[in-house]
Amino acid sequence: MTKRQVVADYGLCEANAVCMAVNPEVFHVDDDDNLFILKPDVTADTEDDIAEAVRRCPRQALAIVEVDDD
């Protein structure tokens, strides 16, 4: 079975915190400009916000991927 998760390309991420502004329960940028994905699984509750964060990311560092649920 597969599920969808949001992932970040940390080589592209500039920690602009646009994603955190969209959904701070999923994304967190700390005081040292490090991005943390707190809840990577795309759920019915987070799907719209995650898609919006991916769309609005200035560096296009976020993506939604399918992963095997082992």
N, C-alpha and C. Protein backbone atom coordinates (compact mmCIF):
# COMPACT_ATOMS: atom_id res chain seq x y z
N MET A 1 0.84 -1.18 0.00
CA MET A 1 0.00 0.00 0.00
C MET A 1 0.89 1.25 0.00
N THR A 2 0.47 2.27 -0.74
CA THR A 2 1.26 3.50 -0.78
C THR A 2 0.53 4.61 -0.05
N LYS A 3 1.30 5.56 0.40
CA LYS A 3 0.74 6.76 1.00
C LYS A 3 1.51 7.95 0.45
N ARG A 4 0.97 9.13 0.66
CA ARG A 4 1.63 10.33 0.17
C ARG A 4 2.24 11.10 1.34
N GLN A 5 3.43 11.62 1.08
CA GLN A 5 4.13 12.42 2.08
C GLN A 5 4.71 13.67 1.43
N VAL A 6 4.87 14.70 2.24
CA VAL A 6 5.56 15.89 1.78
C VAL A 6 7.04 15.75 2.15
N VAL A 7 7.91 16.10 1.21
CA VAL A 7 9.35 16.03 1.43
C VAL A 7 9.96 17.37 1.04
N ALA A 8 11.15 17.62 1.56
CA ALA A 8 11.87 18.85 1.24
C ALA A 8 13.22 18.53 0.64
N ASP A 9 13.61 19.32 -0.33
CA ASP A 9 14.96 19.28 -0.86
C ASP A 9 15.72 20.34 -0.08
N TYR A 10 16.48 19.90 0.92
CA TYR A 10 17.15 20.83 1.82
C TYR A 10 18.28 21.59 1.13
N GLY A 11 18.72 21.11 -0.02
CA GLY A 11 19.70 21.85 -0.81
C GLY A 11 19.10 23.08 -1.47
N LEU A 12 17.79 23.03 -1.73
CA LEU A 12 17.10 24.17 -2.32
C LEU A 12 16.46 25.08 -1.27
N CYS A 13 16.06 24.52 -0.15
CA CYS A 13 15.31 25.26 0.87
C CYS A 13 16.14 26.41 1.43
N GLU A 14 15.52 27.60 1.44
CA GLU A 14 16.15 28.78 2.04
C GLU A 14 15.49 29.16 3.36
N ALA A 15 14.62 28.32 3.87
CA ALA A 15 13.94 28.55 5.14
C ALA A 15 13.21 29.89 5.16
N ASN A 16 12.50 30.17 4.07
CA ASN A 16 11.71 31.39 3.99
C ASN A 16 10.48 31.35 4.89
N ALA A 17 10.10 30.17 5.35
CA ALA A 17 8.98 29.95 6.27
C ALA A 17 7.62 30.23 5.64
N VAL A 18 7.55 30.27 4.32
CA VAL A 18 6.25 30.41 3.66
C VAL A 18 5.38 29.20 4.00
N CYS A 19 5.98 28.02 3.98
CA CYS A 19 5.23 26.80 4.30
C CYS A 19 4.71 26.83 5.73
N MET A 20 5.53 27.33 6.65
CA MET A 20 5.11 27.41 8.04
C MET A 20 3.94 28.38 8.20
N ALA A 21 3.92 29.44 7.42
CA ALA A 21 2.80 30.38 7.46
C ALA A 21 1.52 29.72 6.97
N VAL A 22 1.65 28.79 6.02
CA VAL A 22 0.47 28.09 5.50
C VAL A 22 -0.06 27.09 6.52
N ASN A 23 0.83 26.30 7.14
CA ASN A 23 0.40 25.32 8.13
C ASN A 23 1.52 25.05 9.14
N PRO A 24 1.50 25.75 10.27
CA PRO A 24 2.55 25.56 11.28
C PRO A 24 2.48 24.23 12.02
N GLU A 25 1.40 23.48 11.85
CA GLU A 25 1.33 22.15 12.47
C GLU A 25 2.09 21.12 11.65
N VAL A 26 2.33 21.42 10.37
CA VAL A 26 3.06 20.51 9.49
C VAL A 26 4.51 20.96 9.33
N PHE A 27 4.72 22.26 9.17
CA PHE A 27 6.05 22.81 8.89
C PHE A 27 6.52 23.71 10.03
N HIS A 28 7.81 23.61 10.36
CA HIS A 28 8.39 24.49 11.38
C HIS A 28 9.78 24.92 10.93
N VAL A 29 10.04 26.21 10.97
CA VAL A 29 11.37 26.75 10.72
C VAL A 29 11.86 27.32 12.05
N ASP A 30 12.99 26.81 12.53
CA ASP A 30 13.49 27.25 13.83
C ASP A 30 14.32 28.53 13.71
N ASP A 31 14.83 29.00 14.83
CA ASP A 31 15.58 30.25 14.88
C ASP A 31 16.89 30.18 14.10
N ASP A 32 17.37 28.98 13.82
CA ASP A 32 18.60 28.81 13.04
C ASP A 32 18.31 28.57 11.56
N ASP A 33 17.08 28.84 11.14
CA ASP A 33 16.65 28.68 9.74
C ASP A 33 16.73 27.24 9.26
N ASN A 34 16.36 26.31 10.11
CA ASN A 34 16.26 24.90 9.73
C ASN A 34 14.80 24.54 9.59
N LEU A 35 14.45 23.93 8.46
CA LEU A 35 13.08 23.47 8.23
C LEU A 35 12.90 22.07 8.80
N PHE A 36 11.81 21.88 9.51
CA PHE A 36 11.42 20.58 10.02
C PHE A 36 10.01 20.28 9.52
N ILE A 37 9.82 19.10 8.97
CA ILE A 37 8.48 18.66 8.58
C ILE A 37 7.96 17.82 9.74
N LEU A 38 7.03 18.39 10.48
CA LEU A 38 6.54 17.77 11.71
C LEU A 38 5.58 16.62 11.44
N LYS A 39 4.78 16.75 10.41
CA LYS A 39 3.79 15.73 10.05
C LYS A 39 3.86 15.51 8.55
N PRO A 40 4.74 14.62 8.09
CA PRO A 40 4.95 14.46 6.65
C PRO A 40 3.81 13.77 5.91
N ASP A 41 3.00 12.99 6.59
CA ASP A 41 1.93 12.26 5.91
C ASP A 41 0.84 13.22 5.43
N VAL A 42 0.48 13.10 4.17
CA VAL A 42 -0.61 13.89 3.60
C VAL A 42 -1.92 13.19 3.97
N THR A 43 -2.75 13.90 4.71
CA THR A 43 -4.04 13.36 5.15
C THR A 43 -5.16 14.23 4.58
N ALA A 44 -6.37 13.79 4.77
CA ALA A 44 -7.51 14.59 4.32
C ALA A 44 -7.51 15.96 4.99
N ASP A 45 -7.06 16.02 6.25
CA ASP A 45 -7.02 17.29 6.99
C ASP A 45 -5.92 18.22 6.52
N THR A 46 -4.81 17.67 6.03
CA THR A 46 -3.66 18.51 5.67
C THR A 46 -3.43 18.64 4.17
N GLU A 47 -4.15 17.89 3.37
CA GLU A 47 -3.89 17.84 1.93
C GLU A 47 -3.92 19.22 1.26
N ASP A 48 -4.95 20.01 1.53
CA ASP A 48 -5.05 21.32 0.89
C ASP A 48 -3.92 22.25 1.32
N ASP A 49 -3.62 22.28 2.61
CA ASP A 49 -2.55 23.15 3.10
C ASP A 49 -1.19 22.73 2.56
N ILE A 50 -0.92 21.44 2.53
CA ILE A 50 0.36 20.97 2.01
C ILE A 50 0.49 21.31 0.53
N ALA A 51 -0.56 21.10 -0.24
CA ALA A 51 -0.52 21.44 -1.66
C ALA A 51 -0.28 22.94 -1.85
N GLU A 52 -0.89 23.75 -1.01
CA GLU A 52 -0.68 25.20 -1.07
C GLU A 52 0.77 25.57 -0.71
N ALA A 53 1.32 24.93 0.31
CA ALA A 53 2.71 25.19 0.68
C ALA A 53 3.67 24.79 -0.43
N VAL A 54 3.42 23.66 -1.07
CA VAL A 54 4.25 23.22 -2.20
C VAL A 54 4.16 24.26 -3.32
N ARG A 55 2.97 24.71 -3.61
CA ARG A 55 2.76 25.67 -4.69
C ARG A 55 3.44 27.01 -4.40
N ARG A 56 3.40 27.45 -3.15
CA ARG A 56 3.91 28.77 -2.78
C ARG A 56 5.38 28.81 -2.41
N CYS A 57 6.03 27.67 -2.31
CA CYS A 57 7.44 27.64 -1.92
C CYS A 57 8.27 28.44 -2.93
N PRO A 58 8.97 29.49 -2.48
CA PRO A 58 9.72 30.33 -3.41
C PRO A 58 10.84 29.60 -4.15
N ARG A 59 11.40 28.57 -3.56
CA ARG A 59 12.51 27.84 -4.16
C ARG A 59 12.07 26.50 -4.73
N GLN A 60 10.78 26.20 -4.68
CA GLN A 60 10.24 24.92 -5.14
C GLN A 60 10.98 23.75 -4.49
N ALA A 61 11.20 23.89 -3.19
CA ALA A 61 11.94 22.88 -2.43
C ALA A 61 11.04 21.80 -1.84
N LEU A 62 9.74 21.97 -1.95
CA LEU A 62 8.80 20.99 -1.38
C LEU A 62 8.14 20.19 -2.49
N ALA A 63 7.84 18.93 -2.19
CA ALA A 63 7.14 18.07 -3.13
C ALA A 63 6.31 17.05 -2.37
N ILE A 64 5.26 16.59 -3.00
CA ILE A 64 4.46 15.48 -2.47
C ILE A 64 4.85 14.23 -3.25
N VAL A 65 5.25 13.20 -2.51
CA VAL A 65 5.69 11.96 -3.14
C VAL A 65 4.88 10.80 -2.59
N GLU A 66 4.85 9.72 -3.37
CA GLU A 66 4.22 8.49 -2.92
C GLU A 66 5.30 7.57 -2.36
N VAL A 67 5.03 6.99 -1.20
CA VAL A 67 5.97 6.08 -0.56
C VAL A 67 5.26 4.80 -0.19
N ASP A 68 5.99 3.71 -0.17
CA ASP A 68 5.42 2.43 0.26
C ASP A 68 5.20 2.46 1.76
N ASP A 69 4.06 2.00 2.19
CA ASP A 69 3.71 1.94 3.61
C ASP A 69 4.03 0.54 4.12
N ASP A 70 5.28 0.34 4.50
CA ASP A 70 5.72 -1.00 4.96
C ASP A 70 5.55 -1.16 6.44
